[in-house]
Amino acid sequence: MQNFNYHQHTFRCGHADFDMLDEEYVLESIKMEFKEIAFTDHCPQKNEIDTRENVRMKYSQKEEYMDSIKKLKEKYADKIEIKTGYEIEYLPRRRRIFKRIKK
């Protein structure tokens, strides 16, 4: 049985469950007996990478996203390992965008 989920989006990406808060995803994952999860919202650069609506978080949400997951990681450290990052569409010509987001 798979005991991890490394592809989990939050409401910020615009196409996940809008009613679920980050903590609810964690609690549900614990209930499902996952040992590790990773929040992987789409990289927040809509105008430079993707022009579709409701595909990725706004750049202004980046800090709040990382802070939220960091707090959950600390709060539930004894129950589940939580990782965070971005799902990206890697294109070599877009390296400068990814370097900016990593900061």
PDB file of N, CA and C in Angstrom:
ATOM      1  N   MET A   1       0.832  -1.185   0.000  1.00  0.00           N
ATOM      2  CA  MET A   1       0.000   0.000   0.000  1.00  0.00           C
ATOM      3  C   MET A   1       0.878   1.251   0.000  1.00  0.00           C
ATOM      4  N   GLN A   2       0.531   2.200  -0.824  1.00  0.00           N
ATOM      5  CA  GLN A   2       1.252   3.471  -0.886  1.00  0.00           C
ATOM      6  C   GLN A   2       0.946   4.279   0.372  1.00  0.00           C
ATOM      7  N   ASN A   3       1.984   4.743   1.057  1.00  0.00           N
ATOM      8  CA  ASN A   3       1.750   5.495   2.288  1.00  0.00           C
ATOM      9  C   ASN A   3       2.257   6.937   2.182  1.00  0.00           C
ATOM     10  N   PHE A   4       2.218   7.481   0.972  1.00  0.00           N
ATOM     11  CA  PHE A   4       2.635   8.860   0.753  1.00  0.00           C
ATOM     12  C   PHE A   4       1.817   9.479  -0.376  1.00  0.00           C
ATOM     13  N   ASN A   5       1.796  10.798  -0.404  1.00  0.00           N
ATOM     14  CA  ASN A   5       1.154  11.553  -1.483  1.00  0.00           C
ATOM     15  C   ASN A   5       2.008  12.787  -1.718  1.00  0.00           C
ATOM     16  N   TYR A   6       2.686  12.825  -2.839  1.00  0.00           N
ATOM     17  CA  TYR A   6       3.579  13.944  -3.154  1.00  0.00           C
ATOM     18  C   TYR A   6       2.979  14.923  -4.161  1.00  0.00           C
ATOM     19  N   HIS A   7       1.685  14.848  -4.366  1.00  0.00           N
ATOM     20  CA  HIS A   7       1.043  15.742  -5.336  1.00  0.00           C
ATOM     21  C   HIS A   7      -0.287  16.207  -4.766  1.00  0.00           C
ATOM     22  N   GLN A   8      -0.208  17.248  -3.969  1.00  0.00           N
ATOM     23  CA  GLN A   8      -1.387  17.748  -3.283  1.00  0.00           C
ATOM     24  C   GLN A   8      -1.457  19.258  -3.463  1.00  0.00           C
ATOM     25  N   HIS A   9      -2.558  19.744  -4.019  1.00  0.00           N
ATOM     26  CA  HIS A   9      -2.740  21.176  -4.228  1.00  0.00           C
ATOM     27  C   HIS A   9      -3.628  21.760  -3.139  1.00  0.00           C
ATOM     28  N   THR A  10      -3.484  23.057  -2.926  1.00  0.00           N
ATOM     29  CA  THR A  10      -4.350  23.757  -1.980  1.00  0.00           C
ATOM     30  C   THR A  10      -5.365  24.592  -2.770  1.00  0.00           C
ATOM     31  N   PHE A  11      -6.256  25.249  -2.042  1.00  0.00           N
ATOM     32  CA  PHE A  11      -7.261  26.109  -2.671  1.00  0.00           C
ATOM     33  C   PHE A  11      -6.624  27.230  -3.495  1.00  0.00           C
ATOM     34  N   ARG A  12      -5.370  27.557  -3.194  1.00  0.00           N
ATOM     35  CA  ARG A  12      -4.705  28.678  -3.860  1.00  0.00           C
ATOM     36  C   ARG A  12      -4.497  28.450  -5.357  1.00  0.00           C
ATOM     37  N   CYS A  13      -4.399  27.206  -5.764  1.00  0.00           N
ATOM     38  CA  CYS A  13      -4.116  26.936  -7.174  1.00  0.00           C
ATOM     39  C   CYS A  13      -5.333  27.185  -8.055  1.00  0.00           C
ATOM     40  N   GLY A  14      -6.497  27.256  -7.461  1.00  0.00           N
ATOM     41  CA  GLY A  14      -7.690  27.583  -8.231  1.00  0.00           C
ATOM     42  C   GLY A  14      -8.415  26.402  -8.845  1.00  0.00           C
ATOM     43  N   HIS A  15      -7.886  25.195  -8.719  1.00  0.00           N
ATOM     44  CA  HIS A  15      -8.592  24.044  -9.274  1.00  0.00           C
ATOM     45  C   HIS A  15      -8.646  22.863  -8.308  1.00  0.00           C
ATOM     46  N   ALA A  16      -8.243  23.092  -7.063  1.00  0.00           N
ATOM     47  CA  ALA A  16      -8.376  22.051  -6.032  1.00  0.00           C
ATOM     48  C   ALA A  16      -9.685  22.299  -5.278  1.00  0.00           C
ATOM     49  N   ASP A  17      -9.897  21.566  -4.224  1.00  0.00           N
ATOM     50  CA  ASP A  17     -11.108  21.708  -3.417  1.00  0.00           C
ATOM     51  C   ASP A  17     -11.082  23.061  -2.697  1.00  0.00           C
ATOM     52  N   PHE A  18     -11.946  23.960  -3.110  1.00  0.00           N
ATOM     53  CA  PHE A  18     -11.971  25.312  -2.544  1.00  0.00           C
ATOM     54  C   PHE A  18     -12.417  25.332  -1.091  1.00  0.00           C
ATOM     55  N   ASP A  19     -13.108  24.309  -0.637  1.00  0.00           N
ATOM     56  CA  ASP A  19     -13.645  24.285   0.722  1.00  0.00           C
ATOM     57  C   ASP A  19     -12.656  23.747   1.751  1.00  0.00           C
ATOM     58  N   MET A  20     -11.595  23.099   1.308  1.00  0.00           N
ATOM     59  CA  MET A  20     -10.654  22.487   2.252  1.00  0.00           C
ATOM     60  C   MET A  20      -9.505  23.429   2.581  1.00  0.00           C
ATOM     61  N   LEU A  21      -9.266  23.586   3.858  1.00  0.00           N
ATOM     62  CA  LEU A  21      -8.115  24.351   4.316  1.00  0.00           C
ATOM     63  C   LEU A  21      -6.894  23.448   4.324  1.00  0.00           C
ATOM     64  N   ASP A  22      -5.721  24.034   4.381  1.00  0.00           N
ATOM     65  CA  ASP A  22      -4.483  23.251   4.377  1.00  0.00           C
ATOM     66  C   ASP A  22      -4.478  22.213   5.499  1.00  0.00           C
ATOM     67  N   GLU A  23      -4.888  22.616   6.673  1.00  0.00           N
ATOM     68  CA  GLU A  23      -4.876  21.702   7.812  1.00  0.00           C
ATOM     69  C   GLU A  23      -5.823  20.522   7.597  1.00  0.00           C
ATOM     70  N   GLU A  24      -6.929  20.748   6.916  1.00  0.00           N
ATOM     71  CA  GLU A  24      -7.862  19.652   6.643  1.00  0.00           C
ATOM     72  C   GLU A  24      -7.229  18.594   5.730  1.00  0.00           C
ATOM     73  N   TYR A  25      -6.403  19.035   4.783  1.00  0.00           N
ATOM     74  CA  TYR A  25      -5.679  18.078   3.944  1.00  0.00           C
ATOM     75  C   TYR A  25      -4.740  17.228   4.805  1.00  0.00           C
ATOM     76  N   VAL A  26      -4.074  17.876   5.761  1.00  0.00           N
ATOM     77  CA  VAL A  26      -3.153  17.153   6.639  1.00  0.00           C
ATOM     78  C   VAL A  26      -3.920  16.142   7.484  1.00  0.00           C
ATOM     79  N   LEU A  27      -5.000  16.571   8.090  1.00  0.00           N
ATOM     80  CA  LEU A  27      -5.787  15.677   8.946  1.00  0.00           C
ATOM     81  C   LEU A  27      -6.351  14.493   8.155  1.00  0.00           C
ATOM     82  N   GLU A  28      -6.805  14.754   6.946  1.00  0.00           N
ATOM     83  CA  GLU A  28      -7.321  13.676   6.106  1.00  0.00           C
ATOM     84  C   GLU A  28      -6.200  12.709   5.733  1.00  0.00           C
ATOM     85  N   SER A  29      -5.015  13.245   5.465  1.00  0.00           N
ATOM     86  CA  SER A  29      -3.864  12.396   5.128  1.00  0.00           C
ATOM     87  C   SER A  29      -3.455  11.517   6.306  1.00  0.00           C
ATOM     88  N   ILE A  30      -3.512  12.073   7.503  1.00  0.00           N
ATOM     89  CA  ILE A  30      -3.214  11.290   8.711  1.00  0.00           C
ATOM     90  C   ILE A  30      -4.251  10.180   8.865  1.00  0.00           C
ATOM     91  N   LYS A  31      -5.504  10.527   8.649  1.00  0.00           N
ATOM     92  CA  LYS A  31      -6.581   9.542   8.748  1.00  0.00           C
ATOM     93  C   LYS A  31      -6.381   8.409   7.733  1.00  0.00           C
ATOM     94  N   MET A  32      -5.839   8.747   6.572  1.00  0.00           N
ATOM     95  CA  MET A  32      -5.591   7.747   5.529  1.00  0.00           C
ATOM     96  C   MET A  32      -4.274   7.005   5.762  1.00  0.00           C
ATOM     97  N   GLU A  33      -3.615   7.301   6.875  1.00  0.00           N
ATOM     98  CA  GLU A  33      -2.382   6.647   7.307  1.00  0.00           C
ATOM     99  C   GLU A  33      -1.188   6.911   6.385  1.00  0.00           C
ATOM    100  N   PHE A  34      -1.180   8.078   5.757  1.00  0.00           N
ATOM    101  CA  PHE A  34       0.006   8.476   5.003  1.00  0.00           C
ATOM    102  C   PHE A  34       1.118   8.809   5.978  1.00  0.00           C
ATOM    103  N   LYS A  35       2.330   8.454   5.635  1.00  0.00           N
ATOM    104  CA  LYS A  35       3.512   8.784   6.442  1.00  0.00           C
ATOM    105  C   LYS A  35       4.129  10.098   5.991  1.00  0.00           C
ATOM    106  N   GLU A  36       3.967  10.414   4.698  1.00  0.00           N
ATOM    107  CA  GLU A  36       4.527  11.634   4.126  1.00  0.00           C
ATOM    108  C   GLU A  36       3.547  12.220   3.115  1.00  0.00           C
ATOM    109  N   ILE A  37       3.487  13.555   3.088  1.00  0.00           N
ATOM    110  CA  ILE A  37       2.741  14.250   2.048  1.00  0.00           C
ATOM    111  C   ILE A  37       3.570  15.446   1.583  1.00  0.00           C
ATOM    112  N   ALA A  38       3.241  15.915   0.400  1.00  0.00           N
ATOM    113  CA  ALA A  38       3.890  17.115  -0.118  1.00  0.00           C
ATOM    114  C   ALA A  38       2.827  17.992  -0.769  1.00  0.00           C
ATOM    115  N   PHE A  39       2.780  19.227  -0.331  1.00  0.00           N
ATOM    116  CA  PHE A  39       1.936  20.216  -0.983  1.00  0.00           C
ATOM    117  C   PHE A  39       2.715  20.740  -2.181  1.00  0.00           C
ATOM    118  N   THR A  40       2.101  20.696  -3.357  1.00  0.00           N
ATOM    119  CA  THR A  40       2.804  21.062  -4.584  1.00  0.00           C
ATOM    120  C   THR A  40       1.923  21.925  -5.480  1.00  0.00           C
ATOM    121  N   ASP A  41       1.536  23.079  -4.985  1.00  0.00           N
ATOM    122  CA  ASP A  41       0.756  23.983  -5.816  1.00  0.00           C
ATOM    123  C   ASP A  41       1.560  24.377  -7.046  1.00  0.00           C
ATOM    124  N   HIS A  42       0.858  24.734  -8.096  1.00  0.00           N
ATOM    125  CA  HIS A  42       1.529  25.151  -9.316  1.00  0.00           C
ATOM    126  C   HIS A  42       2.321  26.432  -9.070  1.00  0.00           C
ATOM    127  N   CYS A  43       3.487  26.477  -9.636  1.00  0.00           N
ATOM    128  CA  CYS A  43       4.410  27.602  -9.537  1.00  0.00           C
ATOM    129  C   CYS A  43       3.678  28.923  -9.819  1.00  0.00           C
ATOM    130  N   PRO A  44       3.792  29.899  -8.927  1.00  0.00           N
ATOM    131  CA  PRO A  44       2.991  31.136  -9.059  1.00  0.00           C
ATOM    132  C   PRO A  44       3.557  32.160 -10.044  1.00  0.00           C
ATOM    133  N   GLN A  45       3.453  31.890 -11.317  1.00  0.00           N
ATOM    134  CA  GLN A  45       3.907  32.836 -12.335  1.00  0.00           C
ATOM    135  C   GLN A  45       2.965  32.797 -13.533  1.00  0.00           C
ATOM    136  N   LYS A  46       1.694  33.007 -13.300  1.00  0.00           N
ATOM    137  CA  LYS A  46       0.671  32.876 -14.334  1.00  0.00           C
ATOM    138  C   LYS A  46       1.002  33.610 -15.631  1.00  0.00           C
ATOM    139  N   ASN A  47       1.359  34.856 -15.554  1.00  0.00           N
ATOM    140  CA  ASN A  47       1.549  35.629 -16.778  1.00  0.00           C
ATOM    141  C   ASN A  47       2.794  35.247 -17.556  1.00  0.00           C
ATOM    142  N   GLU A  48       3.752  34.643 -16.904  1.00  0.00           N
ATOM    143  CA  GLU A  48       4.985  34.293 -17.594  1.00  0.00           C
ATOM    144  C   GLU A  48       5.024  32.841 -18.058  1.00  0.00           C
ATOM    145  N   ILE A  49       4.251  31.976 -17.448  1.00  0.00           N
ATOM    146  CA  ILE A  49       4.305  30.555 -17.781  1.00  0.00           C
ATOM    147  C   ILE A  49       2.995  30.063 -18.393  1.00  0.00           C
ATOM    148  N   ASP A  50       1.889  30.463 -17.806  1.00  0.00           N
ATOM    149  CA  ASP A  50       0.610  29.892 -18.182  1.00  0.00           C
ATOM    150  C   ASP A  50      -0.437  30.997 -18.172  1.00  0.00           C
ATOM    151  N   THR A  51      -1.173  31.133 -19.229  1.00  0.00           N
ATOM    152  CA  THR A  51      -2.163  32.207 -19.310  1.00  0.00           C
ATOM    153  C   THR A  51      -3.576  31.754 -18.948  1.00  0.00           C
ATOM    154  N   ARG A  52      -3.752  30.486 -18.601  1.00  0.00           N
ATOM    155  CA  ARG A  52      -5.090  30.006 -18.233  1.00  0.00           C
ATOM    156  C   ARG A  52      -5.486  30.489 -16.839  1.00  0.00           C
ATOM    157  N   GLU A  53      -6.760  30.729 -16.644  1.00  0.00           N
ATOM    158  CA  GLU A  53      -7.285  31.102 -15.327  1.00  0.00           C
ATOM    159  C   GLU A  53      -7.379  29.858 -14.449  1.00  0.00           C
ATOM    160  N   ASN A  54      -7.315  30.051 -13.151  1.00  0.00           N
ATOM    161  CA  ASN A  54      -7.534  28.976 -12.174  1.00  0.00           C
ATOM    162  C   ASN A  54      -6.602  27.790 -12.347  1.00  0.00           C
ATOM    163  N   VAL A  55      -5.333  28.053 -12.583  1.00  0.00           N
ATOM    164  CA  VAL A  55      -4.364  26.974 -12.732  1.00  0.00           C
ATOM    165  C   VAL A  55      -3.273  27.064 -11.678  1.00  0.00           C
ATOM    166  N   ARG A  56      -2.987  28.250 -11.176  1.00  0.00           N
ATOM    167  CA  ARG A  56      -1.891  28.410 -10.220  1.00  0.00           C
ATOM    168  C   ARG A  56      -2.193  29.533  -9.245  1.00  0.00           C
ATOM    169  N   MET A  57      -1.493  29.478  -8.119  1.00  0.00           N
ATOM    170  CA  MET A  57      -1.670  30.525  -7.116  1.00  0.00           C
ATOM    171  C   MET A  57      -1.147  31.852  -7.643  1.00  0.00           C
ATOM    172  N   LYS A  58      -1.615  32.924  -7.031  1.00  0.00           N
ATOM    173  CA  LYS A  58      -1.104  34.244  -7.360  1.00  0.00           C
ATOM    174  C   LYS A  58       0.263  34.404  -6.702  1.00  0.00           C
ATOM    175  N   TYR A  59       1.110  35.179  -7.340  1.00  0.00           N
ATOM    176  CA  TYR A  59       2.446  35.401  -6.773  1.00  0.00           C
ATOM    177  C   TYR A  59       2.341  36.003  -5.376  1.00  0.00           C
ATOM    178  N   SER A  60       1.332  36.817  -5.143  1.00  0.00           N
ATOM    179  CA  SER A  60       1.132  37.450  -3.837  1.00  0.00           C
ATOM    180  C   SER A  60       0.781  36.432  -2.746  1.00  0.00           C
ATOM    181  N   GLN A  61       0.409  35.217  -3.109  1.00  0.00           N
ATOM    182  CA  GLN A  61       0.058  34.179  -2.135  1.00  0.00           C
ATOM    183  C   GLN A  61       1.243  33.306  -1.750  1.00  0.00           C
ATOM    184  N   LYS A  62       2.366  33.494  -2.396  1.00  0.00           N
ATOM    185  CA  LYS A  62       3.534  32.633  -2.207  1.00  0.00           C
ATOM    186  C   LYS A  62       3.979  32.549  -0.745  1.00  0.00           C
ATOM    187  N   GLU A  63       4.155  33.674  -0.099  1.00  0.00           N
ATOM    188  CA  GLU A  63       4.632  33.687   1.291  1.00  0.00           C
ATOM    189  C   GLU A  63       3.628  33.048   2.236  1.00  0.00           C
ATOM    190  N   GLU A  64       2.365  33.363   2.055  1.00  0.00           N
ATOM    191  CA  GLU A  64       1.325  32.804   2.920  1.00  0.00           C
ATOM    192  C   GLU A  64       1.257  31.291   2.771  1.00  0.00           C
ATOM    193  N   TYR A  65       1.399  30.802   1.547  1.00  0.00           N
ATOM    194  CA  TYR A  65       1.407  29.367   1.264  1.00  0.00           C
ATOM    195  C   TYR A  65       2.549  28.684   2.024  1.00  0.00           C
ATOM    196  N   MET A  66       3.745  29.212   1.864  1.00  0.00           N
ATOM    197  CA  MET A  66       4.904  28.606   2.515  1.00  0.00           C
ATOM    198  C   MET A  66       4.787  28.690   4.044  1.00  0.00           C
ATOM    199  N   ASP A  67       4.311  29.808   4.562  1.00  0.00           N
ATOM    200  CA  ASP A  67       4.135  29.956   6.013  1.00  0.00           C
ATOM    201  C   ASP A  67       3.108  28.971   6.561  1.00  0.00           C
ATOM    202  N   SER A  68       2.006  28.823   5.848  1.00  0.00           N
ATOM    203  CA  SER A  68       0.952  27.915   6.284  1.00  0.00           C
ATOM    204  C   SER A  68       1.469  26.482   6.377  1.00  0.00           C
ATOM    205  N   ILE A  69       2.163  26.039   5.353  1.00  0.00           N
ATOM    206  CA  ILE A  69       2.662  24.665   5.342  1.00  0.00           C
ATOM    207  C   ILE A  69       3.749  24.481   6.398  1.00  0.00           C
ATOM    208  N   LYS A  70       4.589  25.475   6.597  1.00  0.00           N
ATOM    209  CA  LYS A  70       5.638  25.396   7.622  1.00  0.00           C
ATOM    210  C   LYS A  70       5.023  25.213   9.015  1.00  0.00           C
ATOM    211  N   LYS A  71       3.967  25.948   9.310  1.00  0.00           N
ATOM    212  CA  LYS A  71       3.293  25.820  10.612  1.00  0.00           C
ATOM    213  C   LYS A  71       2.686  24.434  10.784  1.00  0.00           C
ATOM    214  N   LEU A  72       2.082  23.920   9.727  1.00  0.00           N
ATOM    215  CA  LEU A  72       1.500  22.577   9.797  1.00  0.00           C
ATOM    216  C   LEU A  72       2.580  21.516   9.957  1.00  0.00           C
ATOM    217  N   LYS A  73       3.699  21.713   9.291  1.00  0.00           N
ATOM    218  CA  LYS A  73       4.825  20.790   9.403  1.00  0.00           C
ATOM    219  C   LYS A  73       5.287  20.699  10.859  1.00  0.00           C
ATOM    220  N   GLU A  74       5.369  21.837  11.520  1.00  0.00           N
ATOM    221  CA  GLU A  74       5.778  21.879  12.926  1.00  0.00           C
ATOM    222  C   GLU A  74       4.701  21.280  13.836  1.00  0.00           C
ATOM    223  N   LYS A  75       3.462  21.646  13.592  1.00  0.00           N
ATOM    224  CA  LYS A  75       2.346  21.193  14.438  1.00  0.00           C
ATOM    225  C   LYS A  75       2.152  19.676  14.395  1.00  0.00           C
ATOM    226  N   TYR A  76       2.335  19.068  13.227  1.00  0.00           N
ATOM    227  CA  TYR A  76       2.054  17.643  13.065  1.00  0.00           C
ATOM    228  C   TYR A  76       3.314  16.798  12.869  1.00  0.00           C
ATOM    229  N   ALA A  77       4.454  17.321  13.276  1.00  0.00           N
ATOM    230  CA  ALA A  77       5.736  16.632  13.081  1.00  0.00           C
ATOM    231  C   ALA A  77       5.750  15.228  13.673  1.00  0.00           C
ATOM    232  N   ASP A  78       5.018  15.003  14.740  1.00  0.00           N
ATOM    233  CA  ASP A  78       5.004  13.684  15.381  1.00  0.00           C
ATOM    234  C   ASP A  78       4.030  12.706  14.723  1.00  0.00           C
ATOM    235  N   LYS A  79       3.246  13.191  13.743  1.00  0.00           N
ATOM    236  CA  LYS A  79       2.240  12.336  13.108  1.00  0.00           C
ATOM    237  C   LYS A  79       2.498  12.059  11.620  1.00  0.00           C
ATOM    238  N   ILE A  80       3.113  13.039  10.935  1.00  0.00           N
ATOM    239  CA  ILE A  80       3.287  12.911   9.488  1.00  0.00           C
ATOM    240  C   ILE A  80       4.414  13.837   9.027  1.00  0.00           C
ATOM    241  N   GLU A  81       5.154  13.408   8.021  1.00  0.00           N
ATOM    242  CA  GLU A  81       6.177  14.281   7.437  1.00  0.00           C
ATOM    243  C   GLU A  81       5.537  15.091   6.318  1.00  0.00           C
ATOM    244  N   ILE A  82       5.686  16.405   6.397  1.00  0.00           N
ATOM    245  CA  ILE A  82       5.076  17.300   5.417  1.00  0.00           C
ATOM    246  C   ILE A  82       6.173  18.046   4.664  1.00  0.00           C
ATOM    247  N   LYS A  83       6.084  17.981   3.356  1.00  0.00           N
ATOM    248  CA  LYS A  83       7.027  18.702   2.495  1.00  0.00           C
ATOM    249  C   LYS A  83       6.240  19.729   1.695  1.00  0.00           C
ATOM    250  N   THR A  84       6.952  20.677   1.161  1.00  0.00           N
ATOM    251  CA  THR A  84       6.282  21.657   0.315  1.00  0.00           C
ATOM    252  C   THR A  84       7.182  22.065  -0.837  1.00  0.00           C
ATOM    253  N   GLY A  85       6.557  22.466  -1.897  1.00  0.00           N
ATOM    254  CA  GLY A  85       7.278  22.894  -3.077  1.00  0.00           C
ATOM    255  C   GLY A  85       6.293  23.386  -4.118  1.00  0.00           C
ATOM    256  N   TYR A  86       6.712  23.344  -5.360  1.00  0.00           N
ATOM    257  CA  TYR A  86       5.862  23.784  -6.463  1.00  0.00           C
ATOM    258  C   TYR A  86       5.871  22.743  -7.569  1.00  0.00           C
ATOM    259  N   GLU A  87       4.738  22.595  -8.212  1.00  0.00           N
ATOM    260  CA  GLU A  87       4.684  21.847  -9.451  1.00  0.00           C
ATOM    261  C   GLU A  87       5.021  22.850 -10.543  1.00  0.00           C
ATOM    262  N   ILE A  88       6.030  22.546 -11.336  1.00  0.00           N
ATOM    263  CA  ILE A  88       6.434  23.491 -12.366  1.00  0.00           C
ATOM    264  C   ILE A  88       6.462  22.832 -13.734  1.00  0.00           C
ATOM    265  N   GLU A  89       6.344  23.653 -14.726  1.00  0.00           N
ATOM    266  CA  GLU A  89       6.488  23.223 -16.105  1.00  0.00           C
ATOM    267  C   GLU A  89       7.878  23.702 -16.496  1.00  0.00           C
ATOM    268  N   TYR A  90       8.863  22.847 -16.374  1.00  0.00           N
ATOM    269  CA  TYR A  90      10.241  23.274 -16.577  1.00  0.00           C
ATOM    270  C   TYR A  90      10.542  23.503 -18.051  1.00  0.00           C
ATOM    271  N   LEU A  91      11.016  24.686 -18.311  1.00  0.00           N
ATOM    272  CA  LEU A  91      11.495  25.052 -19.639  1.00  0.00           C
ATOM    273  C   LEU A  91      12.818  25.775 -19.427  1.00  0.00           C
ATOM    274  N   PRO A  92      13.882  25.345 -20.064  1.00  0.00           N
ATOM    275  CA  PRO A  92      15.193  25.972 -19.833  1.00  0.00           C
ATOM    276  C   PRO A  92      15.175  27.495 -19.962  1.00  0.00           C
ATOM    277  N   ARG A  93      14.407  28.032 -20.877  1.00  0.00           N
ATOM    278  CA  ARG A  93      14.380  29.487 -21.058  1.00  0.00           C
ATOM    279  C   ARG A  93      13.692  30.213 -19.894  1.00  0.00           C
ATOM    280  N   ARG A  94      13.079  29.477 -18.985  1.00  0.00           N
ATOM    281  CA  ARG A  94      12.382  30.074 -17.846  1.00  0.00           C
ATOM    282  C   ARG A  94      13.181  29.970 -16.535  1.00  0.00           C
ATOM    283  N   ARG A  95      14.439  29.622 -16.593  1.00  0.00           N
ATOM    284  CA  ARG A  95      15.241  29.432 -15.377  1.00  0.00           C
ATOM    285  C   ARG A  95      15.205  30.637 -14.449  1.00  0.00           C
ATOM    286  N   ARG A  96      15.246  31.829 -14.984  1.00  0.00           N
ATOM    287  CA  ARG A  96      15.259  33.037 -14.135  1.00  0.00           C
ATOM    288  C   ARG A  96      14.000  33.130 -13.279  1.00  0.00           C
ATOM    289  N   ILE A  97      12.877  32.685 -13.803  1.00  0.00           N
ATOM    290  CA  ILE A  97      11.626  32.698 -13.042  1.00  0.00           C
ATOM    291  C   ILE A  97      11.743  31.763 -11.843  1.00  0.00           C
ATOM    292  N   PHE A  98      12.260  30.581 -12.063  1.00  0.00           N
ATOM    293  CA  PHE A  98      12.346  29.600 -10.990  1.00  0.00           C
ATOM    294  C   PHE A  98      13.342  30.030  -9.928  1.00  0.00           C
ATOM    295  N   LYS A  99      14.414  30.688 -10.322  1.00  0.00           N
ATOM    296  CA  LYS A  99      15.386  31.189  -9.344  1.00  0.00           C
ATOM    297  C   LYS A  99      14.743  32.249  -8.455  1.00  0.00           C
ATOM    298  N   ARG A 100      13.898  33.090  -9.030  1.00  0.00           N
ATOM    299  CA  ARG A 100      13.194  34.126  -8.251  1.00  0.00           C
ATOM    300  C   ARG A 100      12.252  33.509  -7.235  1.00  0.00           C
ATOM    301  N   ILE A 101      11.538  32.479  -7.632  1.00  0.00           N
ATOM    302  CA  ILE A 101      10.545  31.850  -6.767  1.00  0.00           C
ATOM    303  C   ILE A 101      11.202  31.094  -5.629  1.00  0.00           C
ATOM    304  N   LYS A 102      12.361  30.516  -5.877  1.00  0.00           N
ATOM    305  CA  LYS A 102      13.076  29.737  -4.852  1.00  0.00           C
ATOM    306  C   LYS A 102      13.462  30.583  -3.642  1.00  0.00           C
ATOM    307  N   LYS A 103      13.605  31.858  -3.823  1.00  0.00           N
ATOM    308  CA  LYS A 103      14.067  32.738  -2.742  1.00  0.00           C
ATOM    309  C   LYS A 103      13.050  32.861  -1.645  1.00  0.00           C
TER     310      LYS A 103
END
